[in-house]
Structure formats: C-alpha cells, structure tokens
Amino acid sequence: MSLPNPGQTERTAINRLKKRSVEDRDAMYEILDSTILCHVGYVENGQPFVLPYGFVRDGDRILIHGSSGARFMRELAKGIPTCVTVTKLDGMVVARTTYDSSMNYRSVVILGSAEEITGPEKNELLEKVSNGLIPGRVSEVRTSTPKELAATTLLSLSLEEASVKVRTGMPEDGEGSGTGVWSGVIPIRVVADEAIPSDKESEDLSVPESVKAFIRNPKA
C-alpha cells in the first residue's frame, strides 16, 4: 500500500508559508538520508520531553535505537504518540533588516507512534542502523553479543504522516537596495576533522576505511 505524500494528511498539511511545503516523498527521503540526527518529542504525565537521537531510514520508516534501561525508550515502546523532527541548516539569510533575516533549511516533521522491533530481524536491523550511521563499520568490528542485544531497544516509526518544509535563496528584503546595508547568504556545511584515536592501541592501528569514508563525506 502506497503512503500519502508529505503534507497530504489533515495533521501534516502546512498552512503558514505554504510555498515552502514540499509534497514529494523522494525529497523527504533525500533529507532523511543526508543526516543522522533527529529530535524525538513525547509527553509523559503532562510534561513534554524532546531528546536528540541518531537514526537511519529503512524504506518507509525510520529506525531509532537506545538503551533498554532508558525510560524514554520504554515509554516510546508503549506506542504513545510522538513527533520526530529532522533539520538540515544550509545557510544564514542575512537581510537588510533583522525582521527580514532568516535561515535556509530543509526540515521533516514525522507524526505517529513507535513500534518496538524484536525477534530474528532485530540484529539485522541494528546492523543496518550502525552502517547507516557510519557506512561499513559493522564489517570492521565483532558481532554483538546476546547480552548487548538484550540491553538495546530498537524502535521503528512509520513515515506515513510527515511534512517537509524547505527554504532556499536570498533574503526577501522589504526595503530593497539603496540602503547602504549589506545583505546575502552565509552558506553552512558539515565538515569532519581528522579522527582522534582513543588510546595507545588505536594510535598504532591504521584508521579504518569506514572512518576515512565518513570524514570524506560526513553526515550530521
């Protein structure tokens, strides 16, 4: 069954600045695949919480993993309503007034309830998460032990209800030119520095290929 495109359900339709709404599923996938950090929000006993988590996309869902001892993971595993946001900051939009200044960004908002993944597919999908964060890393390390798997909760969240909003381009200056005030865009991109070994053993070892590849093409 095909899922609705972003922004095409009652809860995800964008009303303000609708021109920035992108109702294209492939565009959403491109944003989600270009980063590894999301923010997950939920309400517990009337108190809102928003926490940062690493994630990867797996088809029409995202995968999030964490400690099985974390209250956050236990609450989400119950299937409570949640909201996940993903944002890529592409530039600071510097207008001739602070009022007209803005940011260039690509963002995804996902609504739904998480499902816990157990059984035989759990280890395979956890490896998918690890390779999604640092491609190729799974083949460079040992297999997770049963104890480690038991200590890890894996959640999935469907992309059935989502919205995408994007801003690009130059400032929309209300005053126009001729004011003697500079305006433009400061592009922002992610750059990874050289890897830092954790101890003497790592200092004596070559930097693994997965780490080299991530440095060349970082996601954040």
N, C-alpha and C. Protein backbone atom coordinates (compact mmCIF):
# COMPACT_ATOMS: atom_id res chain seq x y z
N MET A 1 0.85 -1.19 0.00
CA MET A 1 0.00 0.00 0.00
C MET A 1 0.88 1.25 0.00
N SER A 2 0.63 2.14 -0.94
CA SER A 2 1.41 3.36 -1.02
C SER A 2 0.98 4.34 0.06
N LEU A 3 1.95 5.06 0.59
CA LEU A 3 1.69 6.03 1.65
C LEU A 3 1.42 7.40 1.03
N PRO A 4 0.68 8.25 1.75
CA PRO A 4 0.44 9.61 1.23
C PRO A 4 1.74 10.39 1.17
N ASN A 5 1.82 11.31 0.24
CA ASN A 5 2.99 12.17 0.16
C ASN A 5 3.03 13.11 1.36
N PRO A 6 4.20 13.66 1.67
CA PRO A 6 4.30 14.59 2.80
C PRO A 6 3.32 15.74 2.67
N GLY A 7 2.74 16.13 3.80
CA GLY A 7 1.84 17.27 3.83
C GLY A 7 0.45 17.02 3.30
N GLN A 8 0.10 15.75 3.08
CA GLN A 8 -1.19 15.46 2.46
C GLN A 8 -2.18 14.76 3.39
N THR A 9 -1.93 14.83 4.69
CA THR A 9 -2.93 14.37 5.65
C THR A 9 -3.40 15.58 6.45
N GLU A 10 -4.50 15.41 7.15
CA GLU A 10 -5.07 16.52 7.90
C GLU A 10 -4.08 17.08 8.92
N ARG A 11 -3.31 16.19 9.55
CA ARG A 11 -2.40 16.64 10.60
C ARG A 11 -1.09 17.20 10.06
N THR A 12 -0.75 16.88 8.83
CA THR A 12 0.56 17.30 8.31
C THR A 12 0.48 18.42 7.27
N ALA A 13 -0.70 18.82 6.88
CA ALA A 13 -0.83 19.90 5.90
C ALA A 13 -0.22 21.19 6.44
N ILE A 14 0.61 21.84 5.65
CA ILE A 14 1.26 23.09 6.05
C ILE A 14 0.40 24.26 5.59
N ASN A 15 0.06 25.12 6.52
CA ASN A 15 -0.80 26.26 6.22
C ASN A 15 0.00 27.56 6.12
N ARG A 16 0.92 27.79 7.05
CA ARG A 16 1.71 29.02 7.02
C ARG A 16 2.92 28.84 6.10
N LEU A 17 3.17 29.82 5.26
CA LEU A 17 4.25 29.77 4.27
C LEU A 17 4.17 28.48 3.46
N LYS A 18 3.00 28.25 2.92
CA LYS A 18 2.75 27.01 2.18
C LYS A 18 3.68 26.86 0.98
N LYS A 19 4.22 27.97 0.48
CA LYS A 19 5.13 27.89 -0.67
C LYS A 19 6.39 27.11 -0.33
N ARG A 20 6.69 26.96 0.96
CA ARG A 20 7.87 26.20 1.36
C ARG A 20 7.57 24.72 1.58
N SER A 21 6.31 24.36 1.48
CA SER A 21 5.94 22.96 1.63
C SER A 21 6.38 22.16 0.41
N VAL A 22 6.94 20.99 0.65
CA VAL A 22 7.36 20.09 -0.43
C VAL A 22 6.60 18.79 -0.28
N GLU A 23 5.67 18.54 -1.19
CA GLU A 23 4.83 17.34 -1.10
C GLU A 23 5.38 16.26 -2.02
N ASP A 24 6.62 15.88 -1.75
CA ASP A 24 7.30 14.90 -2.59
C ASP A 24 8.04 13.92 -1.69
N ARG A 25 7.70 12.64 -1.80
CA ARG A 25 8.28 11.63 -0.91
C ARG A 25 9.78 11.45 -1.16
N ASP A 26 10.22 11.52 -2.42
CA ASP A 26 11.64 11.37 -2.71
C ASP A 26 12.45 12.51 -2.10
N ALA A 27 11.89 13.72 -2.10
CA ALA A 27 12.58 14.85 -1.48
C ALA A 27 12.73 14.62 0.02
N MET A 28 11.71 14.04 0.64
CA MET A 28 11.79 13.72 2.06
C MET A 28 12.87 12.68 2.31
N TYR A 29 12.92 11.65 1.48
CA TYR A 29 13.94 10.61 1.63
C TYR A 29 15.34 11.21 1.52
N GLU A 30 15.52 12.14 0.58
CA GLU A 30 16.83 12.75 0.39
C GLU A 30 17.27 13.49 1.64
N ILE A 31 16.36 14.20 2.28
CA ILE A 31 16.70 14.91 3.51
C ILE A 31 17.04 13.92 4.61
N LEU A 32 16.20 12.91 4.80
CA LEU A 32 16.43 11.93 5.86
C LEU A 32 17.72 11.16 5.65
N ASP A 33 18.07 10.88 4.41
CA ASP A 33 19.28 10.11 4.13
C ASP A 33 20.55 10.95 4.22
N SER A 34 20.41 12.27 4.33
CA SER A 34 21.58 13.15 4.35
C SER A 34 22.03 13.48 5.76
N THR A 35 21.33 12.97 6.76
CA THR A 35 21.68 13.30 8.14
C THR A 35 21.45 12.10 9.04
N ILE A 36 21.95 12.17 10.27
CA ILE A 36 21.83 11.04 11.20
C ILE A 36 21.29 11.48 12.55
N LEU A 37 20.88 12.73 12.67
CA LEU A 37 20.40 13.25 13.95
C LEU A 37 18.95 13.69 13.85
N CYS A 38 18.13 13.20 14.76
CA CYS A 38 16.74 13.64 14.85
C CYS A 38 16.45 14.06 16.28
N HIS A 39 15.32 14.72 16.47
CA HIS A 39 14.85 15.06 17.81
C HIS A 39 13.46 14.44 18.00
N VAL A 40 13.32 13.70 19.08
CA VAL A 40 12.10 12.94 19.34
C VAL A 40 11.36 13.58 20.50
N GLY A 41 10.09 13.92 20.28
CA GLY A 41 9.28 14.55 21.32
C GLY A 41 8.12 13.67 21.74
N TYR A 42 7.83 13.69 23.02
CA TYR A 42 6.66 12.98 23.55
C TYR A 42 6.26 13.64 24.86
N VAL A 43 5.09 13.28 25.36
CA VAL A 43 4.58 13.84 26.61
C VAL A 43 4.38 12.71 27.61
N GLU A 44 4.92 12.90 28.81
CA GLU A 44 4.76 11.92 29.88
C GLU A 44 4.22 12.62 31.13
N ASN A 45 3.05 12.21 31.56
CA ASN A 45 2.41 12.81 32.74
C ASN A 45 2.29 14.33 32.60
N GLY A 46 1.94 14.79 31.41
CA GLY A 46 1.75 16.21 31.18
C GLY A 46 3.02 17.00 30.94
N GLN A 47 4.19 16.35 31.03
CA GLN A 47 5.46 17.04 30.84
C GLN A 47 6.05 16.71 29.47
N PRO A 48 6.23 17.70 28.59
CA PRO A 48 6.84 17.43 27.28
C PRO A 48 8.35 17.16 27.42
N PHE A 49 8.84 16.23 26.62
CA PHE A 49 10.27 15.94 26.54
C PHE A 49 10.67 15.91 25.07
N VAL A 50 11.85 16.44 24.76
CA VAL A 50 12.42 16.35 23.42
C VAL A 50 13.88 15.93 23.56
N LEU A 51 14.23 14.80 22.94
CA LEU A 51 15.58 14.27 23.08
C LEU A 51 16.22 14.03 21.71
N PRO A 52 17.53 14.29 21.60
CA PRO A 52 18.24 14.02 20.34
C PRO A 52 18.62 12.55 20.24
N TYR A 53 18.47 11.98 19.06
CA TYR A 53 18.84 10.57 18.84
C TYR A 53 19.37 10.39 17.43
N GLY A 54 20.29 9.44 17.29
CA GLY A 54 20.72 9.03 15.97
C GLY A 54 19.63 8.18 15.32
N PHE A 55 19.55 8.23 14.00
CA PHE A 55 18.53 7.46 13.30
C PHE A 55 19.01 7.12 11.90
N VAL A 56 18.35 6.16 11.28
CA VAL A 56 18.53 5.89 9.86
C VAL A 56 17.17 5.60 9.25
N ARG A 57 17.05 5.82 7.96
CA ARG A 57 15.81 5.48 7.26
C ARG A 57 15.90 4.06 6.72
N ASP A 58 14.81 3.32 6.86
CA ASP A 58 14.70 1.97 6.30
C ASP A 58 13.39 1.92 5.52
N GLY A 59 13.47 2.24 4.24
CA GLY A 59 12.26 2.27 3.42
C GLY A 59 11.31 3.36 3.87
N ASP A 60 10.10 2.98 4.21
CA ASP A 60 9.08 3.95 4.62
C ASP A 60 8.97 4.06 6.14
N ARG A 61 10.10 3.92 6.81
CA ARG A 61 10.14 4.10 8.26
C ARG A 61 11.53 4.56 8.66
N ILE A 62 11.64 5.09 9.87
CA ILE A 62 12.95 5.38 10.43
C ILE A 62 13.18 4.45 11.61
N LEU A 63 14.46 4.17 11.89
CA LEU A 63 14.86 3.30 12.98
C LEU A 63 15.64 4.10 14.01
N ILE A 64 15.31 3.90 15.27
CA ILE A 64 15.99 4.56 16.39
C ILE A 64 16.33 3.49 17.40
N HIS A 65 17.54 3.53 17.96
CA HIS A 65 17.89 2.54 18.98
C HIS A 65 18.48 3.23 20.20
N GLY A 66 18.37 2.56 21.34
CA GLY A 66 18.89 3.10 22.59
C GLY A 66 18.88 2.04 23.67
N SER A 67 19.27 2.44 24.86
CA SER A 67 19.35 1.50 25.98
C SER A 67 17.96 1.03 26.39
N SER A 68 17.84 -0.28 26.62
CA SER A 68 16.56 -0.82 27.08
C SER A 68 16.24 -0.37 28.50
N GLY A 69 17.24 0.17 29.20
CA GLY A 69 17.01 0.68 30.54
C GLY A 69 16.56 2.13 30.58
N ALA A 70 16.56 2.79 29.42
CA ALA A 70 16.17 4.20 29.37
C ALA A 70 14.65 4.35 29.43
N ARG A 71 14.18 5.20 30.32
CA ARG A 71 12.74 5.42 30.44
C ARG A 71 12.15 5.92 29.12
N PHE A 72 12.90 6.76 28.44
CA PHE A 72 12.47 7.30 27.15
C PHE A 72 12.12 6.18 26.18
N MET A 73 13.01 5.19 26.06
CA MET A 73 12.77 4.09 25.12
C MET A 73 11.59 3.23 25.58
N ARG A 74 11.48 3.03 26.86
CA ARG A 74 10.37 2.22 27.38
C ARG A 74 9.04 2.90 27.10
N GLU A 75 8.98 4.22 27.26
CA GLU A 75 7.73 4.94 27.02
C GLU A 75 7.35 4.89 25.53
N LEU A 76 8.32 5.12 24.66
CA LEU A 76 8.01 5.10 23.23
C LEU A 76 7.59 3.71 22.78
N ALA A 77 8.19 2.68 23.38
CA ALA A 77 7.85 1.30 23.00
C ALA A 77 6.40 0.95 23.33
N LYS A 78 5.78 1.74 24.21
CA LYS A 78 4.38 1.51 24.55
C LYS A 78 3.44 1.95 23.41
N GLY A 79 3.98 2.69 22.44
CA GLY A 79 3.16 3.16 21.34
C GLY A 79 2.48 4.49 21.58
N ILE A 80 3.03 5.29 22.51
CA ILE A 80 2.43 6.60 22.78
C ILE A 80 2.66 7.53 21.59
N PRO A 81 1.82 8.55 21.41
CA PRO A 81 2.01 9.50 20.31
C PRO A 81 3.37 10.20 20.42
N THR A 82 4.03 10.37 19.29
CA THR A 82 5.32 11.03 19.28
C THR A 82 5.46 11.91 18.05
N CYS A 83 6.42 12.82 18.12
CA CYS A 83 6.73 13.70 17.00
C CYS A 83 8.25 13.70 16.83
N VAL A 84 8.71 13.41 15.63
CA VAL A 84 10.14 13.39 15.33
C VAL A 84 10.45 14.48 14.31
N THR A 85 11.48 15.26 14.58
CA THR A 85 11.87 16.31 13.64
C THR A 85 13.31 16.10 13.19
N VAL A 86 13.56 16.44 11.94
CA VAL A 86 14.89 16.38 11.35
C VAL A 86 15.11 17.70 10.61
N THR A 87 16.25 18.34 10.86
CA THR A 87 16.52 19.64 10.24
C THR A 87 17.94 19.70 9.71
N LYS A 88 18.09 20.18 8.49
CA LYS A 88 19.39 20.48 7.90
C LYS A 88 19.50 21.99 7.73
N LEU A 89 20.47 22.59 8.39
CA LEU A 89 20.69 24.03 8.26
C LEU A 89 21.67 24.28 7.12
N ASP A 90 21.21 24.96 6.08
CA ASP A 90 22.01 25.17 4.88
C ASP A 90 22.63 26.56 4.79
N GLY A 91 22.10 27.52 5.53
CA GLY A 91 22.67 28.86 5.44
C GLY A 91 21.97 29.87 6.32
N MET A 92 22.70 30.92 6.68
CA MET A 92 22.12 32.06 7.39
C MET A 92 21.75 33.11 6.36
N VAL A 93 20.50 33.52 6.37
CA VAL A 93 19.99 34.51 5.43
C VAL A 93 20.06 35.88 6.11
N VAL A 94 20.99 36.71 5.65
CA VAL A 94 21.27 38.00 6.28
C VAL A 94 20.62 39.10 5.46
N ALA A 95 19.51 39.61 5.94
CA ALA A 95 18.78 40.64 5.21
C ALA A 95 19.22 42.04 5.65
N ARG A 96 18.64 43.04 5.04
CA ARG A 96 18.98 44.42 5.39
C ARG A 96 18.31 44.86 6.69
N THR A 97 17.39 44.05 7.18
CA THR A 97 16.79 44.29 8.50
C THR A 97 16.78 42.96 9.24
N THR A 98 16.80 43.02 10.55
CA THR A 98 16.70 41.78 11.32
C THR A 98 15.34 41.13 11.12
N TYR A 99 14.33 41.94 10.85
CA TYR A 99 12.99 41.41 10.64
C TYR A 99 12.94 40.48 9.43
N ASP A 100 13.65 40.83 8.36
CA ASP A 100 13.62 40.04 7.14
C ASP A 100 14.68 38.95 7.11
N SER A 101 15.55 38.88 8.11
CA SER A 101 16.58 37.85 8.15
C SER A 101 15.96 36.49 8.45
N SER A 102 16.63 35.44 8.00
CA SER A 102 16.05 34.10 8.15
C SER A 102 17.15 33.05 8.08
N MET A 103 16.77 31.82 7.81
CA MET A 103 17.70 30.71 7.61
C MET A 103 17.26 29.90 6.39
N ASN A 104 18.22 29.37 5.67
CA ASN A 104 17.92 28.38 4.64
C ASN A 104 18.02 27.00 5.28
N TYR A 105 17.00 26.19 5.07
CA TYR A 105 16.94 24.92 5.78
C TYR A 105 16.12 23.91 4.99
N ARG A 106 16.26 22.65 5.37
CA ARG A 106 15.39 21.57 4.90
C ARG A 106 14.93 20.82 6.14
N SER A 107 13.64 20.63 6.30
CA SER A 107 13.14 20.02 7.53
C SER A 107 12.05 19.00 7.25
N VAL A 108 12.00 17.99 8.13
CA VAL A 108 10.97 16.96 8.08
C VAL A 108 10.36 16.83 9.46
N VAL A 109 9.04 16.77 9.53
CA VAL A 109 8.31 16.50 10.77
C VAL A 109 7.52 15.21 10.57
N ILE A 110 7.70 14.27 11.50
CA ILE A 110 7.05 12.96 11.41
C ILE A 110 6.14 12.77 12.62
N LEU A 111 4.89 12.41 12.38
CA LEU A 111 3.93 12.15 13.45
C LEU A 111 3.57 10.67 13.45
N GLY A 112 3.36 10.12 14.65
CA GLY A 112 2.96 8.72 14.71
C GLY A 112 3.26 8.11 16.06
N SER A 113 3.34 6.79 16.09
CA SER A 113 3.67 6.04 17.29
C SER A 113 4.72 5.00 16.93
N ALA A 114 5.71 4.87 17.79
CA ALA A 114 6.80 3.93 17.52
C ALA A 114 6.38 2.50 17.81
N GLU A 115 7.02 1.56 17.14
CA GLU A 115 6.82 0.14 17.39
C GLU A 115 8.17 -0.48 17.73
N GLU A 116 8.19 -1.31 18.77
CA GLU A 116 9.44 -1.99 19.13
C GLU A 116 9.66 -3.18 18.20
N ILE A 117 10.91 -3.34 17.77
CA ILE A 117 11.27 -4.46 16.90
C ILE A 117 11.99 -5.51 17.73
N THR A 118 11.48 -6.72 17.72
CA THR A 118 12.09 -7.84 18.44
C THR A 118 12.23 -9.01 17.46
N GLY A 119 12.71 -10.12 17.97
CA GLY A 119 12.78 -11.32 17.14
C GLY A 119 14.01 -11.36 16.25
N PRO A 120 14.00 -12.27 15.27
CA PRO A 120 15.18 -12.52 14.44
C PRO A 120 15.68 -11.31 13.66
N GLU A 121 14.78 -10.40 13.26
CA GLU A 121 15.20 -9.27 12.43
C GLU A 121 15.88 -8.17 13.23
N LYS A 122 15.84 -8.25 14.56
CA LYS A 122 16.38 -7.16 15.38
C LYS A 122 17.86 -6.96 15.12
N ASN A 123 18.66 -8.03 15.17
CA ASN A 123 20.10 -7.88 14.99
C ASN A 123 20.43 -7.35 13.60
N GLU A 124 19.73 -7.86 12.58
CA GLU A 124 19.96 -7.40 11.21
C GLU A 124 19.67 -5.92 11.08
N LEU A 125 18.59 -5.45 11.69
CA LEU A 125 18.23 -4.04 11.59
C LEU A 125 19.14 -3.16 12.44
N LEU A 126 19.63 -3.69 13.57
CA LEU A 126 20.60 -2.92 14.36
C LEU A 126 21.89 -2.73 13.56
N GLU A 127 22.28 -3.74 12.81
CA GLU A 127 23.45 -3.59 11.96
C GLU A 127 23.18 -2.57 10.86
N LYS A 128 21.96 -2.54 10.38
CA LYS A 128 21.59 -1.53 9.37
C LYS A 128 21.70 -0.13 9.95
N VAL A 129 21.29 0.02 11.22
CA VAL A 129 21.43 1.32 11.88
C VAL A 129 22.90 1.70 11.99
N SER A 130 23.74 0.76 12.45
CA SER A 130 25.17 1.05 12.61
C SER A 130 25.81 1.42 11.28
N ASN A 131 25.48 0.68 10.23
CA ASN A 131 26.03 1.00 8.91
C ASN A 131 25.43 2.27 8.34
N GLY A 132 24.23 2.62 8.78
CA GLY A 132 23.64 3.88 8.35
C GLY A 132 24.32 5.08 8.98
N LEU A 133 24.78 4.90 10.21
CA LEU A 133 25.48 5.99 10.90
C LEU A 133 26.90 6.14 10.37
N ILE A 134 27.63 5.03 10.29
CA ILE A 134 28.98 5.01 9.72
C ILE A 134 29.04 3.84 8.74
N PRO A 135 28.83 4.09 7.46
CA PRO A 135 28.77 3.01 6.47
C PRO A 135 30.02 2.13 6.49
N GLY A 136 29.81 0.82 6.55
CA GLY A 136 30.91 -0.13 6.53
C GLY A 136 31.47 -0.50 7.88
N ARG A 137 31.01 0.13 8.95
CA ARG A 137 31.60 -0.11 10.26
C ARG A 137 31.31 -1.51 10.78
N VAL A 138 30.15 -2.06 10.48
CA VAL A 138 29.77 -3.37 11.03
C VAL A 138 30.78 -4.44 10.66
N SER A 139 31.31 -4.41 9.44
CA SER A 139 32.26 -5.43 9.00
C SER A 139 33.62 -5.30 9.65
N GLU A 140 33.87 -4.20 10.35
CA GLU A 140 35.18 -3.96 10.97
C GLU A 140 35.21 -4.34 12.45
N VAL A 141 34.07 -4.66 13.03
CA VAL A 141 34.00 -4.96 14.46
C VAL A 141 33.35 -6.33 14.67
N ARG A 142 33.44 -6.84 15.90
CA ARG A 142 32.85 -8.14 16.21
C ARG A 142 31.33 -8.06 16.23
N THR A 143 30.69 -9.21 16.18
CA THR A 143 29.24 -9.29 16.24
C THR A 143 28.76 -8.98 17.66
N SER A 144 27.63 -8.32 17.78
CA SER A 144 27.07 -8.01 19.10
C SER A 144 26.72 -9.30 19.84
N THR A 145 26.94 -9.29 21.14
CA THR A 145 26.64 -10.46 21.97
C THR A 145 25.15 -10.47 22.31
N PRO A 146 24.61 -11.63 22.70
CA PRO A 146 23.21 -11.68 23.14
C PRO A 146 22.92 -10.71 24.27
N LYS A 147 23.87 -10.53 25.18
CA LYS A 147 23.68 -9.59 26.29
C LYS A 147 23.55 -8.16 25.77
N GLU A 148 24.38 -7.80 24.80
CA GLU A 148 24.32 -6.45 24.23
C GLU A 148 23.01 -6.23 23.48
N LEU A 149 22.57 -7.25 22.77
CA LEU A 149 21.30 -7.14 22.05
C LEU A 149 20.13 -6.96 23.01
N ALA A 150 20.18 -7.69 24.13
CA ALA A 150 19.10 -7.59 25.12
C ALA A 150 19.09 -6.22 25.78
N ALA A 151 20.25 -5.59 25.85
CA ALA A 151 20.36 -4.27 26.50
C ALA A 151 20.01 -3.13 25.55
N THR A 152 19.65 -3.46 24.32
CA THR A 152 19.35 -2.45 23.31
C THR A 152 17.91 -2.56 22.84
N THR A 153 17.21 -1.43 22.85
CA THR A 153 15.85 -1.37 22.31
C THR A 153 15.90 -0.77 20.91
N LEU A 154 15.20 -1.39 19.98
CA LEU A 154 15.13 -0.89 18.61
C LEU A 154 13.69 -0.52 18.29
N LEU A 155 13.49 0.72 17.86
CA LEU A 155 12.16 1.22 17.55
C LEU A 155 12.06 1.62 16.08
N SER A 156 10.87 1.46 15.52
CA SER A 156 10.61 1.96 14.17
C SER A 156 9.44 2.93 14.21
N LEU A 157 9.47 3.90 13.32
CA LEU A 157 8.39 4.87 13.21
C LEU A 157 8.05 5.05 11.74
N SER A 158 6.81 4.80 11.39
CA SER A 158 6.37 4.89 10.00
C SER A 158 6.43 6.33 9.49
N LEU A 159 6.71 6.46 8.20
CA LEU A 159 6.72 7.77 7.53
C LEU A 159 5.38 8.07 6.88
N GLU A 160 4.34 7.43 7.37
CA GLU A 160 3.01 7.62 6.79
C GLU A 160 2.53 9.05 6.94
N GLU A 161 2.76 9.65 8.11
CA GLU A 161 2.33 11.03 8.34
C GLU A 161 3.56 11.91 8.55
N ALA A 162 3.86 12.72 7.56
CA ALA A 162 5.04 13.58 7.64
C ALA A 162 4.81 14.84 6.82
N SER A 163 5.60 15.85 7.12
CA SER A 163 5.59 17.08 6.32
C SER A 163 7.02 17.49 6.05
N VAL A 164 7.22 18.18 4.94
CA VAL A 164 8.54 18.66 4.54
C VAL A 164 8.44 20.14 4.25
N LYS A 165 9.40 20.88 4.78
CA LYS A 165 9.42 22.32 4.55
C LYS A 165 10.85 22.73 4.21
N VAL A 166 11.00 23.56 3.18
CA VAL A 166 12.32 23.93 2.69
C VAL A 166 12.35 25.43 2.38
N ARG A 167 13.44 26.08 2.82
CA ARG A 167 13.67 27.47 2.41
C ARG A 167 15.01 27.54 1.71
N THR A 168 15.05 28.16 0.55
CA THR A 168 16.28 28.38 -0.20
C THR A 168 16.31 29.82 -0.69
N GLY A 169 17.47 30.23 -1.18
CA GLY A 169 17.55 31.52 -1.84
C GLY A 169 18.00 32.67 -0.97
N MET A 170 17.91 33.84 -1.55
CA MET A 170 18.40 35.08 -0.95
C MET A 170 17.35 35.71 -0.04
N PRO A 171 17.76 36.75 0.71
CA PRO A 171 16.80 37.45 1.57
C PRO A 171 15.67 38.07 0.75
N GLU A 172 14.51 38.11 1.35
CA GLU A 172 13.37 38.81 0.75
C GLU A 172 13.27 40.16 1.44
N ASP A 173 14.15 41.07 1.00
CA ASP A 173 14.27 42.37 1.66
C ASP A 173 13.08 43.25 1.35
N GLY A 174 12.40 43.69 2.39
CA GLY A 174 11.27 44.58 2.20
C GLY A 174 11.70 45.97 1.76
N GLU A 175 12.92 46.38 2.16
CA GLU A 175 13.37 47.74 1.86
C GLU A 175 14.07 47.83 0.51
N GLY A 176 14.52 46.70 -0.04
CA GLY A 176 15.22 46.73 -1.32
C GLY A 176 16.62 47.30 -1.19
N SER A 177 17.27 47.53 -2.33
CA SER A 177 18.64 48.05 -2.33
C SER A 177 18.63 49.57 -2.15
N GLY A 178 19.85 50.12 -2.05
CA GLY A 178 19.98 51.56 -1.91
C GLY A 178 20.01 52.03 -0.47
N THR A 179 20.10 51.10 0.47
CA THR A 179 20.12 51.49 1.89
C THR A 179 21.53 51.58 2.44
N GLY A 180 22.52 51.07 1.69
CA GLY A 180 23.88 51.05 2.19
C GLY A 180 24.13 49.92 3.18
N VAL A 181 23.21 48.98 3.28
CA VAL A 181 23.34 47.85 4.21
C VAL A 181 23.53 46.57 3.40
N TRP A 182 24.55 45.77 3.77
CA TRP A 182 24.84 44.52 3.05
C TRP A 182 23.77 43.48 3.33
N SER A 183 23.46 42.67 2.32
CA SER A 183 22.58 41.53 2.52
C SER A 183 23.07 40.37 1.68
N GLY A 184 22.73 39.15 2.09
CA GLY A 184 23.17 37.97 1.35
C GLY A 184 22.95 36.71 2.16
N VAL A 185 23.68 35.67 1.81
CA VAL A 185 23.56 34.37 2.47
C VAL A 185 24.93 33.86 2.89
N ILE A 186 25.01 33.31 4.09
CA ILE A 186 26.22 32.64 4.56
C ILE A 186 25.96 31.13 4.44
N PRO A 187 26.54 30.45 3.45
CA PRO A 187 26.32 29.00 3.32
C PRO A 187 26.92 28.25 4.52
N ILE A 188 26.25 27.20 4.93
CA ILE A 188 26.71 26.36 6.04
C ILE A 188 26.78 24.91 5.56
N ARG A 189 27.89 24.24 5.86
CA ARG A 189 28.03 22.84 5.51
C ARG A 189 28.73 22.09 6.63
N VAL A 190 28.59 20.78 6.63
CA VAL A 190 29.20 19.94 7.65
C VAL A 190 30.58 19.49 7.17
N VAL A 191 31.58 19.66 8.03
CA VAL A 191 32.95 19.22 7.73
C VAL A 191 33.45 18.37 8.89
N ALA A 192 34.04 17.22 8.59
CA ALA A 192 34.61 16.35 9.63
C ALA A 192 36.11 16.55 9.70
N ASP A 193 36.65 16.68 10.91
CA ASP A 193 38.09 16.78 11.11
C ASP A 193 38.72 15.39 11.11
N GLU A 194 40.04 15.36 11.20
CA GLU A 194 40.75 14.08 11.25
C GLU A 194 40.35 13.31 12.51
N ALA A 195 40.30 11.99 12.40
CA ALA A 195 39.90 11.14 13.53
C ALA A 195 40.94 11.18 14.64
N ILE A 196 40.49 11.12 15.89
CA ILE A 196 41.36 11.15 17.06
C ILE A 196 41.33 9.77 17.72
N PRO A 197 42.45 9.05 17.79
CA PRO A 197 42.47 7.72 18.42
C PRO A 197 42.20 7.81 19.92
N SER A 198 41.54 6.78 20.45
CA SER A 198 41.12 6.82 21.85
C SER A 198 42.22 6.39 22.81
N ASP A 199 43.19 5.60 22.36
CA ASP A 199 44.23 5.08 23.26
C ASP A 199 45.45 4.68 22.46
N LYS A 200 46.46 4.10 23.17
CA LYS A 200 47.73 3.74 22.53
C LYS A 200 47.52 2.68 21.45
N GLU A 201 46.66 1.70 21.73
CA GLU A 201 46.42 0.67 20.72
C GLU A 201 45.88 1.27 19.43
N SER A 202 44.92 2.17 19.56
CA SER A 202 44.34 2.79 18.36
C SER A 202 45.34 3.69 17.65
N GLU A 203 46.26 4.30 18.43
CA GLU A 203 47.29 5.13 17.81
C GLU A 203 48.19 4.30 16.89
N ASP A 204 48.39 3.03 17.27
CA ASP A 204 49.28 2.15 16.49
C ASP A 204 48.57 1.48 15.32
N LEU A 205 47.26 1.60 15.25
CA LEU A 205 46.49 0.97 14.18
C LEU A 205 46.16 1.99 13.09
N SER A 206 45.95 1.48 11.89
CA SER A 206 45.53 2.36 10.79
C SER A 206 44.09 2.80 11.00
N VAL A 207 43.78 3.99 10.57
CA VAL A 207 42.40 4.46 10.64
C VAL A 207 41.56 3.59 9.71
N PRO A 208 40.47 3.00 10.21
CA PRO A 208 39.66 2.09 9.38
C PRO A 208 39.02 2.80 8.20
N GLU A 209 38.72 2.02 7.18
CA GLU A 209 38.17 2.58 5.95
C GLU A 209 36.83 3.27 6.18
N SER A 210 36.01 2.72 7.09
CA SER A 210 34.71 3.34 7.34
C SER A 210 34.87 4.75 7.90
N VAL A 211 35.87 4.92 8.76
CA VAL A 211 36.11 6.24 9.35
C VAL A 211 36.64 7.21 8.29
N LYS A 212 37.56 6.72 7.45
CA LYS A 212 38.08 7.57 6.37
C LYS A 212 36.95 8.02 5.44
N ALA A 213 36.05 7.08 5.13
CA ALA A 213 34.94 7.41 4.23
C ALA A 213 34.00 8.43 4.86
N PHE A 214 33.76 8.29 6.17
CA PHE A 214 32.87 9.24 6.85
C PHE A 214 33.49 10.63 6.85
N ILE A 215 34.80 10.71 7.07
CA ILE A 215 35.47 12.01 7.08
C ILE A 215 35.34 12.69 5.71
N ARG A 216 35.44 11.87 4.66
CA ARG A 216 35.32 12.44 3.31
C ARG A 216 33.90 12.91 3.02
N ASN A 217 32.92 12.22 3.57
CA ASN A 217 31.52 12.55 3.28
C ASN A 217 30.70 12.47 4.57
N PRO A 218 30.87 13.43 5.47
CA PRO A 218 30.19 13.35 6.78
C PRO A 218 28.70 13.65 6.69
N LYS A 219 27.96 13.06 7.62
CA LYS A 219 26.53 13.34 7.76
C LYS A 219 26.29 13.79 9.19
N ALA A 220 25.54 14.87 9.37
CA ALA A 220 25.25 15.35 10.73
C ALA A 220 23.98 16.18 10.69
